[in-house]
C-alpha atoms as a PDB file:
ATOM      1  CA  MET A   1     -23.842 -12.558 -66.246  1.00  0.00           C
ATOM      2  CA  GLN A   2     -26.457 -15.202 -66.056  1.00  0.00           C
ATOM      3  CA  ASP A   3     -27.245 -14.616 -69.267  1.00  0.00           C
ATOM      4  CA  LYS A   4     -24.235 -14.906 -70.412  1.00  0.00           C
ATOM      5  CA  GLN A   5     -23.720 -18.596 -68.773  1.00  0.00           C
ATOM      6  CA  PHE A   6     -26.966 -19.425 -70.369  1.00  0.00           C
ATOM      7  CA  GLU A   7     -26.202 -18.481 -73.953  1.00  0.00           C
ATOM      8  CA  SER A   8     -22.601 -20.585 -73.135  1.00  0.00           C
ATOM      9  CA  ALA A   9     -24.937 -23.462 -72.047  1.00  0.00           C
ATOM     10  CA  LYS A  10     -26.780 -23.063 -75.764  1.00  0.00           C
ATOM     11  CA  ALA A  11     -23.424 -23.082 -77.283  1.00  0.00           C
ATOM     12  CA  VAL A  12     -22.303 -26.262 -75.774  1.00  0.00           C
ATOM     13  CA  SER A  13     -25.393 -27.846 -76.681  1.00  0.00           C
ATOM     14  CA  CYS A  14     -25.578 -26.916 -80.022  1.00  0.00           C
ATOM     15  CA  ALA A  15     -21.899 -28.043 -80.353  1.00  0.00           C
ATOM     16  CA  ALA A  16     -22.421 -31.717 -78.782  1.00  0.00           C
ATOM     17  CA  HIS A  17     -25.677 -32.054 -80.799  1.00  0.00           C
ATOM     18  CA  SER A  18     -23.755 -31.426 -83.803  1.00  0.00           C
ATOM     19  CA  LYS A  19     -20.617 -33.575 -82.703  1.00  0.00           C
ATOM     20  CA  PHE A  20     -22.433 -36.266 -81.173  1.00  0.00           C
ATOM     21  CA  PRO A  21     -25.499 -36.770 -83.816  1.00  0.00           C
ATOM     22  CA  THR A  22     -26.659 -39.728 -81.638  1.00  0.00           C
ATOM     23  CA  HIS A  23     -27.222 -37.462 -78.879  1.00  0.00           C
ATOM     24  CA  HIS A  24     -25.131 -39.499 -76.357  1.00  0.00           C
ATOM     25  CA  SER A  25     -27.030 -39.432 -72.935  1.00  0.00           C
ATOM     26  CA  GLN A  26     -23.560 -38.730 -70.969  1.00  0.00           C
ATOM     27  CA  TRP A  27     -23.715 -35.105 -72.584  1.00  0.00           C
ATOM     28  CA  VAL A  28     -27.422 -34.768 -72.514  1.00  0.00           C
ATOM     29  CA  SER A  29     -27.314 -35.464 -68.576  1.00  0.00           C
ATOM     30  CA  LEU A  30     -24.294 -32.743 -68.219  1.00  0.00           C
ATOM     31  CA  LEU A  31     -26.341 -30.440 -70.288  1.00  0.00           C
ATOM     32  CA  ILE A  32     -29.501 -30.675 -67.747  1.00  0.00           C
ATOM     33  CA  SER A  33     -27.375 -30.725 -64.921  1.00  0.00           C
ATOM     34  CA  GLN A  34     -26.328 -27.209 -66.574  1.00  0.00           C
ATOM     35  CA  CYS A  35     -29.233 -25.732 -66.749  1.00  0.00           C
ATOM     36  CA  THR A  36     -30.201 -26.996 -63.344  1.00  0.00           C
ATOM     37  CA  ARG A  37     -27.576 -24.869 -62.248  1.00  0.00           C
ATOM     38  CA  LEU A  38     -28.069 -21.904 -64.868  1.00  0.00           C
ATOM     39  CA  ARG A  39     -31.848 -22.018 -63.821  1.00  0.00           C
ATOM     40  CA  ALA A  40     -32.497 -22.642 -67.318  1.00  0.00           C
ATOM     41  CA  PRO A  41     -36.250 -22.423 -68.632  1.00  0.00           C
ATOM     42  CA  PRO A  42     -38.392 -25.404 -68.547  1.00  0.00           C
ATOM     43  CA  PRO A  43     -39.120 -25.535 -72.089  1.00  0.00           C
ATOM     44  CA  TYR A  44     -35.180 -25.574 -73.470  1.00  0.00           C
ATOM     45  CA  THR A  45     -34.816 -27.834 -70.804  1.00  0.00           C
ATOM     46  CA  ARG A  46     -37.393 -30.475 -71.259  1.00  0.00           C
ATOM     47  CA  LEU A  47     -36.106 -30.150 -75.194  1.00  0.00           C
ATOM     48  CA  ILE A  48     -32.419 -31.265 -74.677  1.00  0.00           C
ATOM     49  CA  PHE A  49     -34.077 -34.028 -72.903  1.00  0.00           C
ATOM     50  CA  ASN A  50     -35.947 -35.084 -75.736  1.00  0.00           C
ATOM     51  CA  SER A  51     -33.325 -34.860 -77.941  1.00  0.00           C
ATOM     52  CA  THR A  52     -32.045 -38.173 -77.002  1.00  0.00           C
ATOM     53  CA  PRO A  53     -34.446 -41.168 -78.324  1.00  0.00           C
ATOM     54  CA  ARG A  54     -32.976 -43.568 -75.839  1.00  0.00           C
ATOM     55  CA  PRO A  55     -32.264 -41.790 -72.292  1.00  0.00           C
ATOM     56  CA  ASP A  56     -30.259 -43.452 -69.850  1.00  0.00           C
ATOM     57  CA  ILE A  57     -31.057 -44.078 -66.011  1.00  0.00           C
ATOM     58  CA  TYR A  58     -28.717 -40.958 -65.590  1.00  0.00           C
ATOM     59  CA  VAL A  59     -30.456 -38.484 -68.010  1.00  0.00           C
ATOM     60  CA  PHE A  60     -33.837 -39.283 -65.973  1.00  0.00           C
ATOM     61  CA  ILE A  61     -32.012 -38.618 -62.408  1.00  0.00           C
ATOM     62  CA  SER A  62     -30.639 -35.327 -64.135  1.00  0.00           C
ATOM     63  CA  MET A  63     -33.979 -34.248 -65.480  1.00  0.00           C
ATOM     64  CA  LEU A  64     -35.701 -34.852 -62.115  1.00  0.00           C
ATOM     65  CA  LYS A  65     -33.201 -33.254 -59.871  1.00  0.00           C
ATOM     66  CA  TYR A  66     -34.218 -29.801 -62.225  1.00  0.00           C
ATOM     67  CA  TYR A  67     -37.494 -29.873 -61.275  1.00  0.00           C
ATOM     68  CA  SER A  68     -36.581 -30.604 -57.891  1.00  0.00           C
ATOM     69  CA  ASN A  69     -35.301 -26.797 -58.026  1.00  0.00           C
ATOM     70  CA  LEU A  70     -38.769 -25.598 -59.124  1.00  0.00           C
ATOM     71  CA  GLY A  71     -41.206 -26.885 -56.620  1.00  0.00           C
ATOM     72  CA  SER A  72     -44.746 -28.431 -57.036  1.00  0.00           C
ATOM     73  CA  ALA A  73     -45.445 -26.333 -59.730  1.00  0.00           C
ATOM     74  CA  HIS A  74     -44.343 -28.982 -62.213  1.00  0.00           C
ATOM     75  CA  PHE A  75     -45.487 -31.581 -60.191  1.00  0.00           C
ATOM     76  CA  ASN A  76     -47.393 -33.236 -63.378  1.00  0.00           C
ATOM     77  CA  GLN A  77     -44.210 -33.353 -65.708  1.00  0.00           C
ATOM     78  CA  VAL A  78     -42.533 -34.748 -62.611  1.00  0.00           C
ATOM     79  CA  VAL A  79     -45.354 -37.915 -62.643  1.00  0.00           C
ATOM     80  CA  SER A  80     -44.882 -38.054 -66.532  1.00  0.00           C
ATOM     81  CA  LEU A  81     -40.996 -38.243 -66.388  1.00  0.00           C
ATOM     82  CA  TYR A  82     -41.586 -41.267 -63.442  1.00  0.00           C
ATOM     83  CA  GLN A  83     -44.128 -42.891 -65.573  1.00  0.00           C
ATOM     84  CA  LYS A  84     -41.822 -42.837 -68.762  1.00  0.00           C
ATOM     85  CA  LEU A  85     -39.047 -43.889 -66.966  1.00  0.00           C
ATOM     86  CA  GLN A  86     -41.276 -47.207 -65.905  1.00  0.00           C
ATOM     87  CA  CYS A  87     -41.876 -47.612 -69.521  1.00  0.00           C
ATOM     88  CA  CYS A  88     -38.201 -47.403 -70.235  1.00  0.00           C
ATOM     89  CA  ASP A  89     -36.205 -50.857 -70.133  1.00  0.00           C
ATOM     90  CA  LEU A  90     -34.084 -49.524 -67.223  1.00  0.00           C
ATOM     91  CA  ARG A  91     -33.341 -51.044 -64.109  1.00  0.00           C
ATOM     92  CA  ILE A  92     -34.920 -48.485 -61.583  1.00  0.00           C
ATOM     93  CA  GLY A  93     -32.570 -48.450 -58.684  1.00  0.00           C
ATOM     94  CA  THR A  94     -33.499 -47.268 -55.023  1.00  0.00           C
ATOM     95  CA  PHE A  95     -31.583 -44.206 -55.636  1.00  0.00           C
ATOM     96  CA  VAL A  96     -34.007 -42.970 -58.033  1.00  0.00           C
ATOM     97  CA  TYR A  97     -36.960 -42.518 -55.183  1.00  0.00           C
ATOM     98  CA  PRO A  98     -35.385 -40.171 -52.714  1.00  0.00           C
ATOM     99  CA  VAL A  99     -34.444 -37.512 -56.181  1.00  0.00           C
ATOM    100  CA  LEU A 100     -38.272 -38.500 -57.542  1.00  0.00           C
ATOM    101  CA  ILE A 101     -39.500 -37.246 -53.516  1.00  0.00           C
ATOM    102  CA  LYS A 102     -37.985 -34.340 -53.970  1.00  0.00           C
ATOM    103  CA  SER A 103     -38.413 -33.105 -57.434  1.00  0.00           C
ATOM    104  CA  ALA A 104     -42.145 -33.373 -56.510  1.00  0.00           C
ATOM    105  CA  GLY A 105     -42.181 -30.331 -53.889  1.00  0.00           C
ATOM    106  CA  SER A 106     -45.096 -30.345 -51.411  1.00  0.00           C
ATOM    107  CA  LYS A 107     -46.585 -32.897 -53.351  1.00  0.00           C
ATOM    108  CA  GLY A 108     -44.057 -35.834 -53.232  1.00  0.00           C
ATOM    109  CA  ILE A 109     -46.310 -36.754 -50.409  1.00  0.00           C
ATOM    110  CA  GLU A 110     -48.125 -38.616 -53.017  1.00  0.00           C
ATOM    111  CA  PHE A 111     -44.940 -40.705 -53.688  1.00  0.00           C
ATOM    112  CA  HIS A 112     -45.425 -42.204 -49.815  1.00  0.00           C
ATOM    113  CA  ALA A 113     -47.714 -44.420 -50.401  1.00  0.00           C
ATOM    114  CA  HIS A 114     -45.877 -45.409 -53.777  1.00  0.00           C
ATOM    115  CA  VAL A 115     -42.276 -46.142 -52.099  1.00  0.00           C
ATOM    116  CA  LEU A 116     -44.088 -48.146 -49.031  1.00  0.00           C
ATOM    117  CA  LYS A 117     -46.344 -50.350 -51.393  1.00  0.00           C
ATOM    118  CA  LEU A 118     -42.667 -51.074 -53.522  1.00  0.00           C
ATOM    119  CA  GLY A 119     -41.416 -52.132 -49.832  1.00  0.00           C
ATOM    120  CA  LEU A 120     -38.254 -48.880 -50.009  1.00  0.00           C
ATOM    121  CA  ALA A 121     -39.407 -47.441 -46.642  1.00  0.00           C
ATOM    122  CA  SER A 122     -36.552 -49.192 -44.553  1.00  0.00           C
ATOM    123  CA  ASP A 123     -33.898 -47.683 -47.401  1.00  0.00           C
ATOM    124  CA  PRO A 124     -31.770 -45.203 -45.256  1.00  0.00           C
ATOM    125  CA  TYR A 125     -31.889 -42.347 -47.883  1.00  0.00           C
ATOM    126  CA  VAL A 126     -35.620 -42.952 -49.125  1.00  0.00           C
ATOM    127  CA  ARG A 127     -36.270 -42.578 -45.264  1.00  0.00           C
ATOM    128  CA  ASN A 128     -34.497 -39.505 -45.066  1.00  0.00           C
ATOM    129  CA  ALA A 129     -36.074 -38.236 -48.337  1.00  0.00           C
ATOM    130  CA  ILE A 130     -39.843 -38.802 -46.477  1.00  0.00           C
ATOM    131  CA  MET A 131     -38.722 -37.004 -43.355  1.00  0.00           C
ATOM    132  CA  GLY A 132     -37.244 -34.183 -45.125  1.00  0.00           C
ATOM    133  CA  LEU A 133     -40.509 -33.724 -47.095  1.00  0.00           C
ATOM    134  CA  TYR A 134     -42.969 -33.619 -43.847  1.00  0.00           C
ATOM    135  CA  ALA A 135     -40.001 -31.749 -42.156  1.00  0.00           C
ATOM    136  CA  LYS A 136     -40.383 -29.260 -44.971  1.00  0.00           C
ATOM    137  CA  TYR A 137     -43.803 -29.336 -46.114  1.00  0.00           C
ATOM    138  CA  GLY A 138     -45.607 -30.687 -42.747  1.00  0.00           C
ATOM    139  CA  PRO A 139     -47.807 -32.241 -40.864  1.00  0.00           C
ATOM    140  CA  VAL A 140     -44.114 -32.055 -38.820  1.00  0.00           C
ATOM    141  CA  GLU A 141     -45.357 -35.112 -36.590  1.00  0.00           C
ATOM    142  CA  ASN A 142     -45.204 -37.189 -39.631  1.00  0.00           C
ATOM    143  CA  ALA A 143     -41.383 -36.554 -39.652  1.00  0.00           C
ATOM    144  CA  ARG A 144     -41.531 -37.227 -36.328  1.00  0.00           C
ATOM    145  CA  ASP A 145     -42.841 -40.965 -36.479  1.00  0.00           C
ATOM    146  CA  VAL A 146     -40.488 -41.851 -39.284  1.00  0.00           C
ATOM    147  CA  PHE A 147     -37.627 -40.629 -37.109  1.00  0.00           C
ATOM    148  CA  ALA A 148     -38.716 -42.383 -33.940  1.00  0.00           C
ATOM    149  CA  GLU A 149     -39.137 -45.603 -36.394  1.00  0.00           C
ATOM    150  CA  MET A 150     -35.352 -45.546 -37.322  1.00  0.00           C
ATOM    151  CA  ARG A 151     -33.535 -48.334 -35.618  1.00  0.00           C
ATOM    152  CA  GLU A 152     -30.046 -46.544 -36.947  1.00  0.00           C
ATOM    153  CA  ARG A 153     -29.875 -42.752 -37.718  1.00  0.00           C
ATOM    154  CA  THR A 154     -27.587 -40.602 -39.668  1.00  0.00           C
ATOM    155  CA  LEU A 155     -26.672 -37.585 -38.938  1.00  0.00           C
ATOM    156  CA  ALA A 156     -28.510 -36.161 -42.038  1.00  0.00           C
ATOM    157  CA  ASP A 157     -31.290 -37.643 -40.329  1.00  0.00           C
ATOM    158  CA  TRP A 158     -30.891 -35.901 -36.591  1.00  0.00           C
ATOM    159  CA  ASN A 159     -30.416 -32.502 -38.898  1.00  0.00           C
ATOM    160  CA  ASN A 160     -33.766 -32.959 -41.176  1.00  0.00           C
ATOM    161  CA  MET A 161     -35.449 -33.701 -37.735  1.00  0.00           C
ATOM    162  CA  ILE A 162     -34.258 -30.556 -35.852  1.00  0.00           C
ATOM    163  CA  PHE A 163     -34.537 -28.263 -39.413  1.00  0.00           C
ATOM    164  CA  GLY A 164     -38.338 -29.683 -39.492  1.00  0.00           C
ATOM    165  CA  TYR A 165     -39.019 -28.406 -35.940  1.00  0.00           C
ATOM    166  CA  TRP A 166     -37.191 -25.018 -36.047  1.00  0.00           C
ATOM    167  CA  ASN A 167     -39.266 -24.579 -39.552  1.00  0.00           C
ATOM    168  CA  TRP A 168     -42.591 -25.169 -37.482  1.00  0.00           C
ATOM    169  CA  GLY A 169     -41.437 -22.942 -34.713  1.00  0.00           C
ATOM    170  CA  ASN A 170     -40.966 -25.927 -32.246  1.00  0.00           C
ATOM    171  CA  LYS A 171     -38.010 -24.233 -30.212  1.00  0.00           C
ATOM    172  CA  ALA A 172     -38.336 -26.997 -27.468  1.00  0.00           C
ATOM    173  CA  GLU A 173     -38.217 -29.878 -29.613  1.00  0.00           C
ATOM    174  CA  ALA A 174     -35.527 -28.537 -31.758  1.00  0.00           C
ATOM    175  CA  CYS A 175     -33.141 -27.662 -29.081  1.00  0.00           C
ATOM    176  CA  ARG A 176     -34.173 -31.120 -27.321  1.00  0.00           C
ATOM    177  CA  LEU A 177     -32.964 -32.998 -30.198  1.00  0.00           C
ATOM    178  CA  PHE A 178     -29.507 -30.761 -30.723  1.00  0.00           C
ATOM    179  CA  ASP A 179     -28.578 -31.789 -27.233  1.00  0.00           C
ATOM    180  CA  MET A 180     -29.329 -35.358 -27.675  1.00  0.00           C
ATOM    181  CA  MET A 181     -27.184 -35.815 -30.684  1.00  0.00           C
ATOM    182  CA  PRO A 182     -24.542 -38.264 -30.721  1.00  0.00           C
ATOM    183  CA  GLU A 183     -22.489 -35.700 -33.077  1.00  0.00           C
ATOM    184  CA  ARG A 184     -22.976 -32.739 -34.634  1.00  0.00           C
ATOM    185  CA  ASN A 185     -21.786 -31.126 -37.937  1.00  0.00           C
ATOM    186  CA  VAL A 186     -21.693 -27.416 -39.425  1.00  0.00           C
ATOM    187  CA  VAL A 187     -25.415 -28.169 -40.920  1.00  0.00           C
ATOM    188  CA  THR A 188     -26.716 -29.027 -37.374  1.00  0.00           C
ATOM    189  CA  TRP A 189     -24.864 -25.758 -35.503  1.00  0.00           C
ATOM    190  CA  THR A 190     -26.244 -23.568 -38.839  1.00  0.00           C
ATOM    191  CA  ALA A 191     -29.269 -24.808 -38.562  1.00  0.00           C
ATOM    192  CA  MET A 192     -29.761 -24.221 -34.531  1.00  0.00           C
ATOM    193  CA  VAL A 193     -28.508 -20.429 -35.861  1.00  0.00           C
ATOM    194  CA  THR A 194     -30.979 -19.910 -38.500  1.00  0.00           C
ATOM    195  CA  GLY A 195     -33.712 -21.121 -36.073  1.00  0.00           C
ATOM    196  CA  TYR A 196     -32.763 -18.983 -33.455  1.00  0.00           C
ATOM    197  CA  ALA A 197     -33.129 -16.193 -36.091  1.00  0.00           C
ATOM    198  CA  ARG A 198     -36.300 -16.936 -36.977  1.00  0.00           C
ATOM    199  CA  MET A 199     -37.192 -16.313 -33.539  1.00  0.00           C
ATOM    200  CA  LYS A 200     -35.474 -12.839 -33.433  1.00  0.00           C
ATOM    201  CA  ASP A 201     -33.336 -14.314 -30.635  1.00  0.00           C
ATOM    202  CA  LEU A 202     -29.907 -13.298 -32.370  1.00  0.00           C
ATOM    203  CA  GLU A 203     -28.137 -13.100 -28.597  1.00  0.00           C
ATOM    204  CA  ASN A 204     -28.598 -17.152 -28.945  1.00  0.00           C
ATOM    205  CA  ALA A 205     -28.081 -17.216 -32.650  1.00  0.00           C
ATOM    206  CA  ARG A 206     -24.677 -15.908 -31.894  1.00  0.00           C
ATOM    207  CA  ARG A 207     -23.942 -17.658 -28.918  1.00  0.00           C
ATOM    208  CA  TYR A 208     -24.615 -21.146 -31.237  1.00  0.00           C
ATOM    209  CA  PHE A 209     -22.601 -19.326 -34.285  1.00  0.00           C
ATOM    210  CA  ASP A 210     -19.726 -18.686 -32.313  1.00  0.00           C
ATOM    211  CA  GLU A 211     -19.312 -22.093 -31.063  1.00  0.00           C
ATOM    212  CA  ILE A 212     -19.413 -23.862 -34.206  1.00  0.00           C
ATOM    213  CA  PRO A 213     -16.275 -25.747 -34.931  1.00  0.00           C
ATOM    214  CA  GLU A 214     -15.726 -25.009 -38.134  1.00  0.00           C
ATOM    215  CA  LYS A 215     -17.406 -22.299 -40.224  1.00  0.00           C
ATOM    216  CA  ASN A 216     -18.123 -22.591 -43.755  1.00  0.00           C
ATOM    217  CA  VAL A 217     -19.386 -19.928 -46.004  1.00  0.00           C
ATOM    218  CA  VAL A 218     -23.267 -21.174 -45.249  1.00  0.00           C
ATOM    219  CA  SER A 219     -22.887 -21.139 -41.347  1.00  0.00           C
ATOM    220  CA  TRP A 220     -21.372 -17.028 -41.801  1.00  0.00           C
ATOM    221  CA  ASN A 221     -24.042 -16.409 -44.518  1.00  0.00           C
ATOM    222  CA  ALA A 222     -26.965 -17.216 -41.529  1.00  0.00           C
ATOM    223  CA  MET A 223     -25.825 -14.905 -39.031  1.00  0.00           C
ATOM    224  CA  LEU A 224     -25.176 -11.997 -41.719  1.00  0.00           C
ATOM    225  CA  SER A 225     -28.390 -12.644 -43.077  1.00  0.00           C
ATOM    226  CA  ALA A 226     -30.513 -13.175 -39.033  1.00  0.00           C
ATOM    227  CA  TYR A 227     -28.255  -9.845 -38.461  1.00  0.00           C
ATOM    228  CA  ALA A 228     -29.440  -8.021 -41.686  1.00  0.00           C
ATOM    229  CA  GLN A 229     -32.855  -8.795 -41.676  1.00  0.00           C
ATOM    230  CA  ASN A 230     -33.914  -8.072 -38.118  1.00  0.00           C
ATOM    231  CA  GLY A 231     -32.386  -4.377 -37.982  1.00  0.00           C
ATOM    232  CA  PHE A 232     -28.562  -4.471 -37.150  1.00  0.00           C
ATOM    233  CA  PRO A 233     -26.699  -3.887 -40.626  1.00  0.00           C
ATOM    234  CA  GLU A 234     -23.664  -2.802 -38.090  1.00  0.00           C
ATOM    235  CA  GLU A 235     -23.084  -5.942 -36.828  1.00  0.00           C
ATOM    236  CA  ALA A 236     -23.846  -7.501 -40.153  1.00  0.00           C
ATOM    237  CA  LEU A 237     -20.819  -5.342 -41.832  1.00  0.00           C
ATOM    238  CA  LYS A 238     -18.756  -6.123 -38.413  1.00  0.00           C
ATOM    239  CA  LEU A 239     -19.063  -9.709 -38.974  1.00  0.00           C
ATOM    240  CA  PHE A 240     -18.489  -9.641 -42.724  1.00  0.00           C
ATOM    241  CA  ASP A 241     -15.107  -7.831 -41.934  1.00  0.00           C
ATOM    242  CA  ASP A 242     -14.461 -11.350 -39.870  1.00  0.00           C
ATOM    243  CA  MET A 243     -15.209 -13.190 -42.302  1.00  0.00           C
ATOM    244  CA  MET A 244     -12.746 -11.186 -45.148  1.00  0.00           C
ATOM    245  CA  ASN A 245     -10.280 -12.196 -42.207  1.00  0.00           C
ATOM    246  CA  SER A 246     -11.067 -15.865 -41.835  1.00  0.00           C
ATOM    247  CA  ARG A 247     -10.558 -18.711 -44.673  1.00  0.00           C
ATOM    248  CA  ASP A 248     -14.031 -18.631 -45.639  1.00  0.00           C
ATOM    249  CA  LYS A 249     -14.298 -16.193 -49.080  1.00  0.00           C
ATOM    250  CA  PRO A 250     -18.363 -14.883 -49.180  1.00  0.00           C
ATOM    251  CA  ASN A 251     -19.918 -15.879 -52.354  1.00  0.00           C
ATOM    252  CA  GLU A 252     -22.990 -14.390 -54.445  1.00  0.00           C
ATOM    253  CA  THR A 253     -25.538 -14.491 -50.879  1.00  0.00           C
ATOM    254  CA  THR A 254     -23.080 -13.194 -48.670  1.00  0.00           C
ATOM    255  CA  TRP A 255     -22.396  -9.840 -51.161  1.00  0.00           C
ATOM    256  CA  ALA A 256     -26.098  -9.908 -51.504  1.00  0.00           C
ATOM    257  CA  ILE A 257     -26.680 -10.213 -47.768  1.00  0.00           C
ATOM    258  CA  VAL A 258     -23.992  -7.461 -47.110  1.00  0.00           C
ATOM    259  CA  ILE A 259     -25.218  -5.178 -49.780  1.00  0.00           C
ATOM    260  CA  SER A 260     -28.383  -5.138 -48.281  1.00  0.00           C
ATOM    261  CA  ALA A 261     -26.795  -4.211 -44.845  1.00  0.00           C
ATOM    262  CA  CYS A 262     -25.018  -1.419 -46.419  1.00  0.00           C
ATOM    263  CA  SER A 263     -28.425  -0.078 -47.426  1.00  0.00           C
ATOM    264  CA  SER A 264     -29.947  -0.418 -44.696  1.00  0.00           C
ATOM    265  CA  CYS A 265     -27.707   1.211 -42.377  1.00  0.00           C
ATOM    266  CA  GLY A 266     -27.682   4.632 -44.002  1.00  0.00           C
ATOM    267  CA  ASP A 267     -23.711   4.971 -43.684  1.00  0.00           C
ATOM    268  CA  CYS A 268     -22.709   6.469 -47.322  1.00  0.00           C
ATOM    269  CA  SER A 269     -19.274   5.962 -46.181  1.00  0.00           C
ATOM    270  CA  LEU A 270     -19.474   2.464 -45.213  1.00  0.00           C
ATOM    271  CA  ALA A 271     -21.290   1.455 -49.053  1.00  0.00           C
ATOM    272  CA  ASP A 272     -19.130   3.858 -50.720  1.00  0.00           C
ATOM    273  CA  SER A 273     -16.329   1.484 -49.230  1.00  0.00           C
ATOM    274  CA  PHE A 274     -17.832  -1.699 -49.539  1.00  0.00           C
ATOM    275  CA  VAL A 275     -18.429  -1.137 -53.201  1.00  0.00           C
ATOM    276  CA  GLN A 276     -14.761  -0.308 -53.223  1.00  0.00           C
ATOM    277  CA  LYS A 277     -13.499  -3.877 -52.551  1.00  0.00           C
ATOM    278  CA  LEU A 278     -16.196  -5.148 -55.076  1.00  0.00           C
ATOM    279  CA  ASN A 279     -14.112  -2.880 -57.597  1.00  0.00           C
ATOM    280  CA  GLN A 280     -11.017  -4.057 -56.718  1.00  0.00           C
ATOM    281  CA  LYS A 281     -11.547  -7.739 -56.030  1.00  0.00           C
ATOM    282  CA  ARG A 282     -13.486  -7.463 -59.514  1.00  0.00           C
ATOM    283  CA  ILE A 283     -16.447  -9.643 -58.119  1.00  0.00           C
ATOM    284  CA  HIS A 284     -19.068 -10.442 -60.520  1.00  0.00           C
ATOM    285  CA  LEU A 285     -22.400 -10.214 -58.963  1.00  0.00           C
ATOM    286  CA  SER A 286     -25.173 -12.591 -59.656  1.00  0.00           C
ATOM    287  CA  TYR A 287     -28.833 -10.675 -60.982  1.00  0.00           C
ATOM    288  CA  PHE A 288     -30.255 -10.907 -56.980  1.00  0.00           C
ATOM    289  CA  ALA A 289     -26.942  -9.069 -55.534  1.00  0.00           C
ATOM    290  CA  LYS A 290     -27.125  -6.900 -58.465  1.00  0.00           C
ATOM    291  CA  THR A 291     -30.650  -5.891 -57.597  1.00  0.00           C
ATOM    292  CA  ALA A 292     -29.978  -5.206 -53.957  1.00  0.00           C
ATOM    293  CA  LEU A 293     -26.656  -3.024 -55.326  1.00  0.00           C
ATOM    294  CA  LEU A 294     -29.489  -0.752 -57.414  1.00  0.00           C
ATOM    295  CA  GLY A 295     -32.145  -0.659 -54.586  1.00  0.00           C
ATOM    296  CA  MET A 296     -29.019   0.859 -52.696  1.00  0.00           C
ATOM    297  CA  TYR A 297     -27.915   3.220 -54.818  1.00  0.00           C
ATOM    298  CA  ALA A 298     -31.760   4.167 -55.488  1.00  0.00           C
ATOM    299  CA  LYS A 299     -32.317   4.489 -51.672  1.00  0.00           C
ATOM    300  CA  ARG A 300     -29.485   7.046 -51.189  1.00  0.00           C
ATOM    301  CA  GLY A 301     -30.641   9.325 -54.647  1.00  0.00           C
ATOM    302  CA  SER A 302     -27.042   8.127 -56.465  1.00  0.00           C
ATOM    303  CA  LEU A 303     -29.142   7.265 -59.689  1.00  0.00           C
ATOM    304  CA  GLN A 304     -25.962   7.758 -61.646  1.00  0.00           C
ATOM    305  CA  ALA A 305     -24.244   5.206 -60.000  1.00  0.00           C
ATOM    306  CA  ALA A 306     -27.115   3.151 -59.896  1.00  0.00           C
ATOM    307  CA  ARG A 307     -27.277   3.475 -64.028  1.00  0.00           C
ATOM    308  CA  GLN A 308     -23.488   2.649 -63.947  1.00  0.00           C
ATOM    309  CA  ALA A 309     -24.786  -0.211 -62.107  1.00  0.00           C
ATOM    310  CA  PHE A 310     -27.369  -1.050 -64.108  1.00  0.00           C
END
């Protein structure tokens, strides 16, 4: 499925280049966004970027967003891209820097001093990106320092800090901040579900999940994953039935989680029933979900079914 999408993106690229020989930045930006979504190889994506002799600021932003999904392994390319942006006759707005920080992965810390030098640390979006950086990669105390210095905190700031504390195993501080929050959204509640699940406290994870005012597919997936990864596949399948009766519809991640739960439960009838549902709904599975399905069949010794899925 993903290969077909990628080939489709290539076809669009060729068509765009032939129809628009000047390589309009709008098309290039759109194609790079598609590469990000499809996780296209870096050399191919960079080739698209290089196809326009005068990229505008949105082409640069699209390319930085692409690198943000690849982690710190491509930090040198991010630095090179930023240097090229500085050399262009383009106005670099403040909105560029949060994307720049995120695109550098764990090495985004090196851009912290840079934005301080530019006097941008007070910008709420830059500040949130810096805090998110330390919340994810540490030290979390640096994230707390940024958070403490804020005169006005957005909901995203609170969520970033709660995520950071859970990420570094500080349950007490995560819960304390949650209780202090002036408002919460589904991201906040899901962070609490995921945090307790990481500590294998499924009772509290489920308690927070049940209290979510308006769930979405991400919150459902968080609770499903909590059950599946902690050895409670039957509970995961029961919860999946509840999800199917809700207004929230499964996505590819949901299918992968539930397939994994079917594989673990050892009940062939449940697994067969689930696969039947997939076929009835004509669900197109991602490679990740297909791998889980192959693993389930292999575990059962159903080699013929595994070949058909492959």
